[in-house]
Each structure stands twice: as structure tokens, then as C-alpha cells.
Amino acid sequence: MNWDSAQQILRILLQVGAGALVSKGILTEEMAATATGAVLSLAGVVWWAYWNRKRAA
């Protein structure tokens, strides 16, 4: 699994979760989009760090 496929799966799961929170009134649509983007950005950094650590020197 590469980052592109992992990112798409994560994006779908985050959007489903954010949609549930929006429907309950906990988040607004703007907050949901911002939170999804923030989590994806953090996940990208974690993925990058993991693969760089795993790579042979």
C-alpha cells in the first residue's frame, strides 16, 4: 500500500466521521473540512517519517 491509496481510504473514513459530527451539530461544515485536511496533513508527515526511518542509509 502506498501513500496515495492510504490517503484515499483515510480521507473517506474522515469524511464519514466528520459527516456524522456535522449531522449531530457538533461541527460545522467548515470545521469538518478543516479538521479533515489537518488530520490528512499530520498523517502525511507521519507516513513520510515512517518511510524515511525504514529506508536504508
PDB file of N, CA and C in Angstrom:
ATOM      1  N   MET A   1       0.860  -1.181   0.000  1.00  0.00           N
ATOM      2  CA  MET A   1       0.000   0.000   0.000  1.00  0.00           C
ATOM      3  C   MET A   1       0.898   1.233   0.000  1.00  0.00           C
ATOM      4  N   ASN A   2       0.627   2.128  -0.918  1.00  0.00           N
ATOM      5  CA  ASN A   2       1.398   3.367  -0.975  1.00  0.00           C
ATOM      6  C   ASN A   2       0.578   4.504  -0.344  1.00  0.00           C
ATOM      7  N   TRP A   3       1.185   5.681  -0.282  1.00  0.00           N
ATOM      8  CA  TRP A   3       0.534   6.806   0.379  1.00  0.00           C
ATOM      9  C   TRP A   3      -0.742   7.221  -0.340  1.00  0.00           C
ATOM     10  N   ASP A   4      -0.762   7.121  -1.665  1.00  0.00           N
ATOM     11  CA  ASP A   4      -1.937   7.547  -2.420  1.00  0.00           C
ATOM     12  C   ASP A   4      -3.174   6.725  -2.052  1.00  0.00           C
ATOM     13  N   SER A   5      -3.031   5.417  -1.987  1.00  0.00           N
ATOM     14  CA  SER A   5      -4.186   4.582  -1.636  1.00  0.00           C
ATOM     15  C   SER A   5      -4.543   4.726  -0.159  1.00  0.00           C
ATOM     16  N   ALA A   6      -3.540   4.834   0.695  1.00  0.00           N
ATOM     17  CA  ALA A   6      -3.812   5.020   2.126  1.00  0.00           C
ATOM     18  C   ALA A   6      -4.505   6.355   2.370  1.00  0.00           C
ATOM     19  N   GLN A   7      -4.089   7.387   1.643  1.00  0.00           N
ATOM     20  CA  GLN A   7      -4.687   8.713   1.803  1.00  0.00           C
ATOM     21  C   GLN A   7      -6.159   8.696   1.391  1.00  0.00           C
ATOM     22  N   GLN A   8      -6.478   8.002   0.319  1.00  0.00           N
ATOM     23  CA  GLN A   8      -7.869   7.955  -0.126  1.00  0.00           C
ATOM     24  C   GLN A   8      -8.754   7.235   0.886  1.00  0.00           C
ATOM     25  N   ILE A   9      -8.260   6.131   1.432  1.00  0.00           N
ATOM     26  CA  ILE A   9      -9.021   5.395   2.456  1.00  0.00           C
ATOM     27  C   ILE A   9      -9.209   6.263   3.692  1.00  0.00           C
ATOM     28  N   LEU A  10      -8.129   6.905   4.138  1.00  0.00           N
ATOM     29  CA  LEU A  10      -8.207   7.773   5.310  1.00  0.00           C
ATOM     30  C   LEU A  10      -9.145   8.949   5.068  1.00  0.00           C
ATOM     31  N   ARG A  11      -9.088   9.538   3.883  1.00  0.00           N
ATOM     32  CA  ARG A  11      -9.953  10.669   3.555  1.00  0.00           C
ATOM     33  C   ARG A  11     -11.433  10.262   3.618  1.00  0.00           C
ATOM     34  N   ILE A  12     -11.753   9.095   3.068  1.00  0.00           N
ATOM     35  CA  ILE A  12     -13.139   8.614   3.090  1.00  0.00           C
ATOM     36  C   ILE A  12     -13.605   8.385   4.518  1.00  0.00           C
ATOM     37  N   LEU A  13     -12.772   7.739   5.326  1.00  0.00           N
ATOM     38  CA  LEU A  13     -13.156   7.482   6.722  1.00  0.00           C
ATOM     39  C   LEU A  13     -13.332   8.780   7.507  1.00  0.00           C
ATOM     40  N   LEU A  14     -12.441   9.734   7.286  1.00  0.00           N
ATOM     41  CA  LEU A  14     -12.547  11.016   7.982  1.00  0.00           C
ATOM     42  C   LEU A  14     -13.792  11.785   7.556  1.00  0.00           C
ATOM     43  N   GLN A  15     -14.120  11.736   6.274  1.00  0.00           N
ATOM     44  CA  GLN A  15     -15.301  12.448   5.803  1.00  0.00           C
ATOM     45  C   GLN A  15     -16.584  11.807   6.333  1.00  0.00           C
ATOM     46  N   VAL A  16     -16.600  10.489   6.455  1.00  0.00           N
ATOM     47  CA  VAL A  16     -17.774   9.828   7.041  1.00  0.00           C
ATOM     48  C   VAL A  16     -17.914  10.239   8.507  1.00  0.00           C
ATOM     49  N   GLY A  17     -16.810  10.213   9.241  1.00  0.00           N
ATOM     50  CA  GLY A  17     -16.848  10.624  10.642  1.00  0.00           C
ATOM     51  C   GLY A  17     -17.229  12.082  10.814  1.00  0.00           C
ATOM     52  N   ALA A  18     -16.666  12.937   9.973  1.00  0.00           N
ATOM     53  CA  ALA A  18     -16.991  14.366  10.043  1.00  0.00           C
ATOM     54  C   ALA A  18     -18.451  14.595   9.677  1.00  0.00           C
ATOM     55  N   GLY A  19     -18.966  13.845   8.708  1.00  0.00           N
ATOM     56  CA  GLY A  19     -20.375  13.970   8.334  1.00  0.00           C
ATOM     57  C   GLY A  19     -21.295  13.606   9.480  1.00  0.00           C
ATOM     58  N   ALA A  20     -20.917  12.588  10.226  1.00  0.00           N
ATOM     59  CA  ALA A  20     -21.716  12.206  11.393  1.00  0.00           C
ATOM     60  C   ALA A  20     -21.704  13.313  12.446  1.00  0.00           C
ATOM     61  N   LEU A  21     -20.538  13.921  12.654  1.00  0.00           N
ATOM     62  CA  LEU A  21     -20.448  15.006  13.637  1.00  0.00           C
ATOM     63  C   LEU A  21     -21.206  16.251  13.181  1.00  0.00           C
ATOM     64  N   VAL A  22     -21.200  16.514  11.882  1.00  0.00           N
ATOM     65  CA  VAL A  22     -21.960  17.651  11.355  1.00  0.00           C
ATOM     66  C   VAL A  22     -23.449  17.395  11.524  1.00  0.00           C
ATOM     67  N   SER A  23     -23.897  16.176  11.249  1.00  0.00           N
ATOM     68  CA  SER A  23     -25.325  15.874  11.359  1.00  0.00           C
ATOM     69  C   SER A  23     -25.818  15.949  12.799  1.00  0.00           C
ATOM     70  N   LYS A  24     -24.920  15.723  13.768  1.00  0.00           N
ATOM     71  CA  LYS A  24     -25.290  15.845  15.178  1.00  0.00           C
ATOM     72  C   LYS A  24     -25.163  17.271  15.690  1.00  0.00           C
ATOM     73  N   GLY A  25     -24.608  18.155  14.865  1.00  0.00           N
ATOM     74  CA  GLY A  25     -24.477  19.551  15.253  1.00  0.00           C
ATOM     75  C   GLY A  25     -23.225  19.847  16.050  1.00  0.00           C
ATOM     76  N   ILE A  26     -22.316  18.909  16.135  1.00  0.00           N
ATOM     77  CA  ILE A  26     -21.092  19.115  16.901  1.00  0.00           C
ATOM     78  C   ILE A  26     -20.100  19.977  16.117  1.00  0.00           C
ATOM     79  N   LEU A  27     -20.019  19.758  14.811  1.00  0.00           N
ATOM     80  CA  LEU A  27     -19.140  20.530  13.927  1.00  0.00           C
ATOM     81  C   LEU A  27     -19.959  21.242  12.864  1.00  0.00           C
ATOM     82  N   THR A  28     -19.401  22.325  12.350  1.00  0.00           N
ATOM     83  CA  THR A  28     -19.980  22.939  11.159  1.00  0.00           C
ATOM     84  C   THR A  28     -19.298  22.320   9.944  1.00  0.00           C
ATOM     85  N   GLU A  29     -19.846  22.580   8.767  1.00  0.00           N
ATOM     86  CA  GLU A  29     -19.241  22.026   7.547  1.00  0.00           C
ATOM     87  C   GLU A  29     -17.829  22.560   7.342  1.00  0.00           C
ATOM     88  N   GLU A  30     -17.608  23.816   7.663  1.00  0.00           N
ATOM     89  CA  GLU A  30     -16.281  24.404   7.502  1.00  0.00           C
ATOM     90  C   GLU A  30     -15.289  23.774   8.471  1.00  0.00           C
ATOM     91  N   MET A  31     -15.717  23.559   9.712  1.00  0.00           N
ATOM     92  CA  MET A  31     -14.841  22.928  10.692  1.00  0.00           C
ATOM     93  C   MET A  31     -14.516  21.490  10.288  1.00  0.00           C
ATOM     94  N   ALA A  32     -15.485  20.789   9.711  1.00  0.00           N
ATOM     95  CA  ALA A  32     -15.259  19.413   9.286  1.00  0.00           C
ATOM     96  C   ALA A  32     -14.215  19.359   8.168  1.00  0.00           C
ATOM     97  N   ALA A  33     -14.311  20.271   7.213  1.00  0.00           N
ATOM     98  CA  ALA A  33     -13.336  20.305   6.118  1.00  0.00           C
ATOM     99  C   ALA A  33     -11.946  20.639   6.635  1.00  0.00           C
ATOM    100  N   THR A  34     -11.864  21.579   7.555  1.00  0.00           N
ATOM    101  CA  THR A  34     -10.578  21.961   8.131  1.00  0.00           C
ATOM    102  C   THR A  34      -9.978  20.812   8.934  1.00  0.00           C
ATOM    103  N   ALA A  35     -10.784  20.157   9.730  1.00  0.00           N
ATOM    104  CA  ALA A  35     -10.299  19.037  10.542  1.00  0.00           C
ATOM    105  C   ALA A  35      -9.830  17.880   9.663  1.00  0.00           C
ATOM    106  N   THR A  36     -10.564  17.588   8.607  1.00  0.00           N
ATOM    107  CA  THR A  36     -10.170  16.519   7.692  1.00  0.00           C
ATOM    108  C   THR A  36      -8.827  16.846   7.050  1.00  0.00           C
ATOM    109  N   GLY A  37      -8.659  18.062   6.584  1.00  0.00           N
ATOM    110  CA  GLY A  37      -7.391  18.470   5.993  1.00  0.00           C
ATOM    111  C   GLY A  37      -6.238  18.429   6.981  1.00  0.00           C
ATOM    112  N   ALA A  38      -6.504  18.845   8.203  1.00  0.00           N
ATOM    113  CA  ALA A  38      -5.450  18.844   9.223  1.00  0.00           C
ATOM    114  C   ALA A  38      -5.004  17.425   9.560  1.00  0.00           C
ATOM    115  N   VAL A  39      -5.948  16.529   9.720  1.00  0.00           N
ATOM    116  CA  VAL A  39      -5.599  15.141  10.038  1.00  0.00           C
ATOM    117  C   VAL A  39      -4.842  14.501   8.875  1.00  0.00           C
ATOM    118  N   LEU A  40      -5.262  14.779   7.655  1.00  0.00           N
ATOM    119  CA  LEU A  40      -4.548  14.238   6.494  1.00  0.00           C
ATOM    120  C   LEU A  40      -3.126  14.790   6.398  1.00  0.00           C
ATOM    121  N   SER A  41      -2.953  16.049   6.721  1.00  0.00           N
ATOM    122  CA  SER A  41      -1.612  16.633   6.705  1.00  0.00           C
ATOM    123  C   SER A  41      -0.715  15.996   7.755  1.00  0.00           C
ATOM    124  N   LEU A  42      -1.248  15.807   8.945  1.00  0.00           N
ATOM    125  CA  LEU A  42      -0.479  15.140  10.001  1.00  0.00           C
ATOM    126  C   LEU A  42      -0.164  13.698   9.632  1.00  0.00           C
ATOM    127  N   ALA A  43      -1.123  13.014   9.028  1.00  0.00           N
ATOM    128  CA  ALA A  43      -0.895  11.638   8.598  1.00  0.00           C
ATOM    129  C   ALA A  43       0.179  11.588   7.525  1.00  0.00           C
ATOM    130  N   GLY A  44       0.233  12.580   6.650  1.00  0.00           N
ATOM    131  CA  GLY A  44       1.273  12.645   5.633  1.00  0.00           C
ATOM    132  C   GLY A  44       2.655  12.780   6.241  1.00  0.00           C
ATOM    133  N   VAL A  45       2.774  13.578   7.272  1.00  0.00           N
ATOM    134  CA  VAL A  45       4.060  13.743   7.953  1.00  0.00           C
ATOM    135  C   VAL A  45       4.462  12.441   8.643  1.00  0.00           C
ATOM    136  N   VAL A  46       3.515  11.791   9.293  1.00  0.00           N
ATOM    137  CA  VAL A  46       3.805  10.518   9.959  1.00  0.00           C
ATOM    138  C   VAL A  46       4.224   9.469   8.933  1.00  0.00           C
ATOM    139  N   TRP A  47       3.518   9.392   7.812  1.00  0.00           N
ATOM    140  CA  TRP A  47       3.858   8.436   6.755  1.00  0.00           C
ATOM    141  C   TRP A  47       5.267   8.709   6.220  1.00  0.00           C
ATOM    142  N   TRP A  48       5.579   9.968   5.975  1.00  0.00           N
ATOM    143  CA  TRP A  48       6.896  10.352   5.480  1.00  0.00           C
ATOM    144  C   TRP A  48       7.981   9.956   6.481  1.00  0.00           C
ATOM    145  N   ALA A  49       7.767  10.247   7.754  1.00  0.00           N
ATOM    146  CA  ALA A  49       8.756   9.911   8.785  1.00  0.00           C
ATOM    147  C   ALA A  49       8.943   8.399   8.887  1.00  0.00           C
ATOM    148  N   TYR A  50       7.867   7.655   8.809  1.00  0.00           N
ATOM    149  CA  TYR A  50       7.942   6.200   8.880  1.00  0.00           C
ATOM    150  C   TYR A  50       8.763   5.638   7.722  1.00  0.00           C
ATOM    151  N   TRP A  51       8.483   6.081   6.504  1.00  0.00           N
ATOM    152  CA  TRP A  51       9.196   5.557   5.345  1.00  0.00           C
ATOM    153  C   TRP A  51      10.648   6.012   5.315  1.00  0.00           C
ATOM    154  N   ASN A  52      10.952   7.216   5.778  1.00  0.00           N
ATOM    155  CA  ASN A  52      12.342   7.664   5.818  1.00  0.00           C
ATOM    156  C   ASN A  52      13.129   6.921   6.870  1.00  0.00           C
ATOM    157  N   ARG A  53      12.506   6.586   7.957  1.00  0.00           N
ATOM    158  CA  ARG A  53      13.187   5.826   9.007  1.00  0.00           C
ATOM    159  C   ARG A  53      13.447   4.398   8.538  1.00  0.00           C
ATOM    160  N   LYS A  54      12.519   3.859   7.769  1.00  0.00           N
ATOM    161  CA  LYS A  54      12.602   2.485   7.291  1.00  0.00           C
ATOM    162  C   LYS A  54      13.636   2.330   6.168  1.00  0.00           C
ATOM    163  N   ARG A  55      13.894   3.399   5.427  1.00  0.00           N
ATOM    164  CA  ARG A  55      14.801   3.366   4.284  1.00  0.00           C
ATOM    165  C   ARG A  55      16.248   3.161   4.741  1.00  0.00           C
ATOM    166  N   ALA A  56      16.961   2.367   4.000  1.00  0.00           N
ATOM    167  CA  ALA A  56      18.366   2.108   4.333  1.00  0.00           C
ATOM    168  C   ALA A  56      19.218   3.346   4.083  1.00  0.00           C
ATOM    169  N   ALA A  57      20.198   3.525   4.907  1.00  0.00           N
ATOM    170  CA  ALA A  57      21.068   4.704   4.780  1.00  0.00           C
ATOM    171  C   ALA A  57      22.074   4.532   3.662  1.00  0.00           C
TER     172      ALA A  57
END
